[in-house]
Amino acid sequence: MRNIKYYIPGSVLILIAIMVVAVPKILVAFVAASIIMAGIGALYVGHMIRKSEIELRNIGEWFSDDDRYGWQFARRPVFRRWYRDF
């Protein structure tokens, strides 16, 4: 019974395919749900880009044009959450 967990994803996909063949209107719901999830993901990525642009704009005020050592190029990563492990 421990090995049955490996067969669950495939079984679920086969059951979904049988449901789509039996009732084609379910396919419309699956496609709509996929588009909605992609839209939510796009909004989240856009929000992260907006926040990073605001951070970079605020960081840019710390440096001047006559910076001798060239520290204006030493900036943090744009998306800090994705670089936590480094």
N, C-alpha and C. Protein backbone atom coordinates (compact mmCIF):
# COMPACT_ATOMS: atom_id res chain seq x y z
N MET A 1 0.82 -1.21 0.00
CA MET A 1 0.00 0.00 0.00
C MET A 1 0.85 1.27 0.00
N ARG A 2 2.13 1.13 0.37
CA ARG A 2 2.98 2.32 0.38
C ARG A 2 3.29 2.80 -1.03
N ASN A 3 3.31 1.91 -1.99
CA ASN A 3 3.67 2.27 -3.35
C ASN A 3 2.51 2.85 -4.14
N ILE A 4 1.32 2.88 -3.57
CA ILE A 4 0.16 3.40 -4.31
C ILE A 4 0.26 4.91 -4.52
N LYS A 5 1.03 5.60 -3.68
CA LYS A 5 1.15 7.05 -3.83
C LYS A 5 1.81 7.44 -5.15
N TYR A 6 2.56 6.53 -5.74
CA TYR A 6 3.20 6.82 -7.02
C TYR A 6 2.21 6.75 -8.19
N TYR A 7 1.11 6.05 -7.99
CA TYR A 7 0.12 5.89 -9.05
C TYR A 7 -1.01 6.91 -8.98
N ILE A 8 -1.10 7.67 -7.92
CA ILE A 8 -2.20 8.62 -7.74
C ILE A 8 -2.20 9.72 -8.81
N PRO A 9 -1.07 10.38 -9.11
CA PRO A 9 -1.12 11.45 -10.14
C PRO A 9 -1.58 10.94 -11.50
N GLY A 10 -1.07 9.80 -11.92
CA GLY A 10 -1.48 9.24 -13.21
C GLY A 10 -2.95 8.86 -13.22
N SER A 11 -3.41 8.28 -12.11
CA SER A 11 -4.82 7.90 -12.02
C SER A 11 -5.73 9.12 -12.07
N VAL A 12 -5.32 10.19 -11.41
CA VAL A 12 -6.12 11.42 -11.41
C VAL A 12 -6.19 11.99 -12.82
N LEU A 13 -5.07 11.99 -13.54
CA LEU A 13 -5.08 12.51 -14.90
C LEU A 13 -5.96 11.67 -15.82
N ILE A 14 -5.94 10.36 -15.66
CA ILE A 14 -6.80 9.50 -16.47
C ILE A 14 -8.26 9.75 -16.15
N LEU A 15 -8.59 9.93 -14.88
CA LEU A 15 -9.98 10.23 -14.51
C LEU A 15 -10.43 11.58 -15.06
N ILE A 16 -9.56 12.56 -15.05
CA ILE A 16 -9.91 13.87 -15.62
C ILE A 16 -10.15 13.73 -17.11
N ALA A 17 -9.30 12.96 -17.80
CA ALA A 17 -9.49 12.76 -19.24
C ALA A 17 -10.81 12.06 -19.53
N ILE A 18 -11.17 11.10 -18.73
CA ILE A 18 -12.46 10.41 -18.91
C ILE A 18 -13.61 11.38 -18.68
N MET A 19 -13.48 12.25 -17.68
CA MET A 19 -14.54 13.24 -17.42
C MET A 19 -14.67 14.21 -18.58
N VAL A 20 -13.55 14.62 -19.18
CA VAL A 20 -13.60 15.55 -20.31
C VAL A 20 -14.27 14.90 -21.51
N VAL A 21 -13.96 13.62 -21.73
CA VAL A 21 -14.60 12.91 -22.84
C VAL A 21 -16.10 12.75 -22.58
N ALA A 22 -16.48 12.47 -21.34
CA ALA A 22 -17.89 12.26 -21.01
C ALA A 22 -18.67 13.58 -21.05
N VAL A 23 -18.09 14.64 -20.50
CA VAL A 23 -18.78 15.94 -20.43
C VAL A 23 -17.81 17.00 -20.96
N PRO A 24 -17.87 17.34 -22.25
CA PRO A 24 -16.90 18.28 -22.85
C PRO A 24 -16.94 19.69 -22.26
N LYS A 25 -18.03 20.04 -21.60
CA LYS A 25 -18.09 21.39 -21.01
C LYS A 25 -17.09 21.55 -19.87
N ILE A 26 -16.63 20.44 -19.30
CA ILE A 26 -15.62 20.52 -18.24
C ILE A 26 -14.31 21.06 -18.80
N LEU A 27 -14.02 20.74 -20.05
CA LEU A 27 -12.80 21.24 -20.68
C LEU A 27 -12.78 22.77 -20.71
N VAL A 28 -13.92 23.37 -20.95
CA VAL A 28 -14.01 24.83 -20.95
C VAL A 28 -13.66 25.38 -19.56
N ALA A 29 -14.14 24.71 -18.52
CA ALA A 29 -13.84 25.15 -17.16
C ALA A 29 -12.35 25.00 -16.86
N PHE A 30 -11.73 23.91 -17.32
CA PHE A 30 -10.30 23.73 -17.09
C PHE A 30 -9.48 24.79 -17.82
N VAL A 31 -9.84 25.10 -19.03
CA VAL A 31 -9.11 26.12 -19.79
C VAL A 31 -9.29 27.49 -19.14
N ALA A 32 -10.50 27.80 -18.71
CA ALA A 32 -10.74 29.08 -18.05
C ALA A 32 -9.97 29.18 -16.74
N ALA A 33 -9.92 28.10 -15.98
CA ALA A 33 -9.17 28.10 -14.73
C ALA A 33 -7.68 28.28 -14.99
N SER A 34 -7.18 27.68 -16.05
CA SER A 34 -5.76 27.83 -16.40
C SER A 34 -5.44 29.27 -16.77
N ILE A 35 -6.32 29.91 -17.53
CA ILE A 35 -6.10 31.30 -17.92
C ILE A 35 -6.16 32.22 -16.70
N ILE A 36 -7.07 31.95 -15.80
CA ILE A 36 -7.17 32.76 -14.58
C ILE A 36 -5.90 32.61 -13.74
N MET A 37 -5.40 31.39 -13.59
CA MET A 37 -4.18 31.17 -12.81
C MET A 37 -2.98 31.86 -13.47
N ALA A 38 -2.90 31.83 -14.81
CA ALA A 38 -1.82 32.53 -15.51
C ALA A 38 -1.92 34.03 -15.29
N GLY A 39 -3.14 34.57 -15.28
CA GLY A 39 -3.34 35.99 -15.02
C GLY A 39 -2.91 36.39 -13.62
N ILE A 40 -3.23 35.54 -12.64
CA ILE A 40 -2.81 35.82 -11.26
C ILE A 40 -1.30 35.79 -11.15
N GLY A 41 -0.68 34.82 -11.81
CA GLY A 41 0.78 34.75 -11.81
C GLY A 41 1.41 35.97 -12.46
N ALA A 42 0.84 36.43 -13.56
CA ALA A 42 1.37 37.62 -14.24
C ALA A 42 1.23 38.86 -13.36
N LEU A 43 0.12 38.98 -12.64
CA LEU A 43 -0.05 40.11 -11.72
C LEU A 43 0.98 40.07 -10.61
N TYR A 44 1.27 38.88 -10.10
CA TYR A 44 2.25 38.75 -9.02
C TYR A 44 3.65 39.13 -9.51
N VAL A 45 4.03 38.67 -10.69
CA VAL A 45 5.34 39.02 -11.24
C VAL A 45 5.42 40.52 -11.51
N GLY A 46 4.36 41.10 -12.03
CA GLY A 46 4.33 42.54 -12.26
C GLY A 46 4.47 43.33 -10.97
N HIS A 47 3.84 42.85 -9.91
CA HIS A 47 3.95 43.52 -8.61
C HIS A 47 5.39 43.45 -8.10
N MET A 48 6.04 42.29 -8.26
CA MET A 48 7.42 42.16 -7.81
C MET A 48 8.35 43.07 -8.62
N ILE A 49 8.10 43.20 -9.92
CA ILE A 49 8.92 44.08 -10.75
C ILE A 49 8.73 45.53 -10.33
N ARG A 50 7.50 45.92 -10.03
CA ARG A 50 7.21 47.29 -9.59
C ARG A 50 7.94 47.60 -8.28
N LYS A 51 7.89 46.65 -7.33
CA LYS A 51 8.58 46.86 -6.06
C LYS A 51 10.08 46.97 -6.25
N SER A 52 10.65 46.16 -7.14
CA SER A 52 12.09 46.22 -7.34
C SER A 52 12.49 47.52 -8.03
N GLU A 53 11.67 48.04 -8.93
CA GLU A 53 11.98 49.32 -9.56
C GLU A 53 11.97 50.44 -8.54
N ILE A 54 11.03 50.39 -7.61
CA ILE A 54 10.98 51.42 -6.56
C ILE A 54 12.23 51.33 -5.69
N GLU A 55 12.66 50.09 -5.35
CA GLU A 55 13.88 49.94 -4.55
C GLU A 55 15.10 50.46 -5.29
N LEU A 56 15.21 50.14 -6.58
CA LEU A 56 16.36 50.61 -7.35
C LEU A 56 16.35 52.12 -7.49
N ARG A 57 15.17 52.72 -7.63
CA ARG A 57 15.09 54.17 -7.72
C ARG A 57 15.56 54.81 -6.41
N ASN A 58 15.20 54.20 -5.27
CA ASN A 58 15.61 54.75 -3.98
C ASN A 58 17.10 54.52 -3.73
N ILE A 59 17.64 53.41 -4.22
CA ILE A 59 19.07 53.14 -4.05
C ILE A 59 19.89 54.11 -4.88
N GLY A 60 19.38 54.49 -6.04
CA GLY A 60 20.12 55.39 -6.92
C GLY A 60 20.41 56.74 -6.31
N GLU A 61 19.65 57.14 -5.30
CA GLU A 61 19.87 58.45 -4.67
C GLU A 61 21.07 58.42 -3.73
N TRP A 62 21.57 57.25 -3.37
CA TRP A 62 22.68 57.17 -2.44
C TRP A 62 24.01 57.50 -3.11
N PHE A 63 24.07 57.46 -4.42
CA PHE A 63 25.33 57.63 -5.11
C PHE A 63 25.35 58.95 -5.85
N SER A 64 26.53 59.47 -6.02
CA SER A 64 26.67 60.72 -6.76
C SER A 64 27.44 60.46 -8.05
N ASP A 65 27.46 61.46 -8.92
CA ASP A 65 28.16 61.32 -10.20
C ASP A 65 29.67 61.32 -10.05
N ASP A 66 30.16 61.94 -8.99
CA ASP A 66 31.62 62.00 -8.80
C ASP A 66 32.10 60.91 -7.83
N ASP A 67 31.48 59.76 -7.88
CA ASP A 67 31.87 58.65 -7.02
C ASP A 67 33.20 58.09 -7.52
N ARG A 68 34.24 58.16 -6.68
CA ARG A 68 35.59 57.79 -7.09
C ARG A 68 35.76 56.28 -7.30
N TYR A 69 35.11 55.49 -6.48
CA TYR A 69 35.39 54.07 -6.46
C TYR A 69 34.42 53.24 -7.29
N GLY A 70 33.47 53.87 -7.92
CA GLY A 70 32.55 53.16 -8.80
C GLY A 70 31.54 52.28 -8.08
N TRP A 71 31.14 52.69 -6.90
CA TRP A 71 30.19 51.88 -6.14
C TRP A 71 28.78 51.90 -6.69
N GLN A 72 28.50 52.75 -7.67
CA GLN A 72 27.15 52.81 -8.21
C GLN A 72 26.74 51.50 -8.88
N PHE A 73 27.72 50.65 -9.23
CA PHE A 73 27.40 49.38 -9.85
C PHE A 73 27.24 48.25 -8.85
N ALA A 74 27.51 48.51 -7.59
CA ALA A 74 27.36 47.48 -6.55
C ALA A 74 25.97 47.60 -5.95
N ARG A 75 25.02 46.91 -6.55
CA ARG A 75 23.63 46.96 -6.09
C ARG A 75 23.16 45.58 -5.69
N ARG A 76 22.09 45.58 -4.93
CA ARG A 76 21.48 44.32 -4.52
C ARG A 76 20.77 43.68 -5.70
N PRO A 77 20.50 42.35 -5.61
CA PRO A 77 19.71 41.70 -6.67
C PRO A 77 18.32 42.32 -6.75
N VAL A 78 17.73 42.26 -7.94
CA VAL A 78 16.45 42.89 -8.17
C VAL A 78 15.36 42.21 -7.34
N PHE A 79 15.31 40.89 -7.40
CA PHE A 79 14.31 40.15 -6.62
C PHE A 79 15.02 39.48 -5.45
N ARG A 80 15.00 40.11 -4.29
CA ARG A 80 15.72 39.59 -3.13
C ARG A 80 15.21 38.23 -2.70
N ARG A 81 13.93 37.97 -2.80
CA ARG A 81 13.37 36.72 -2.31
C ARG A 81 13.97 35.53 -3.05
N TRP A 82 14.29 35.69 -4.32
CA TRP A 82 14.82 34.58 -5.11
C TRP A 82 16.30 34.36 -4.85
N TYR A 83 16.98 35.30 -4.17
CA TYR A 83 18.41 35.17 -3.93
C TYR A 83 18.73 34.95 -2.46
N ARG A 84 17.82 34.50 -1.66
CA ARG A 84 18.05 34.34 -0.22
C ARG A 84 19.10 33.28 0.08
N ASP A 85 19.19 32.24 -0.71
CA ASP A 85 20.11 31.15 -0.40
C ASP A 85 21.54 31.43 -0.84
N PHE A 86 21.79 32.52 -1.56
CA PHE A 86 23.14 32.77 -2.06
C PHE A 86 23.91 33.69 -1.17
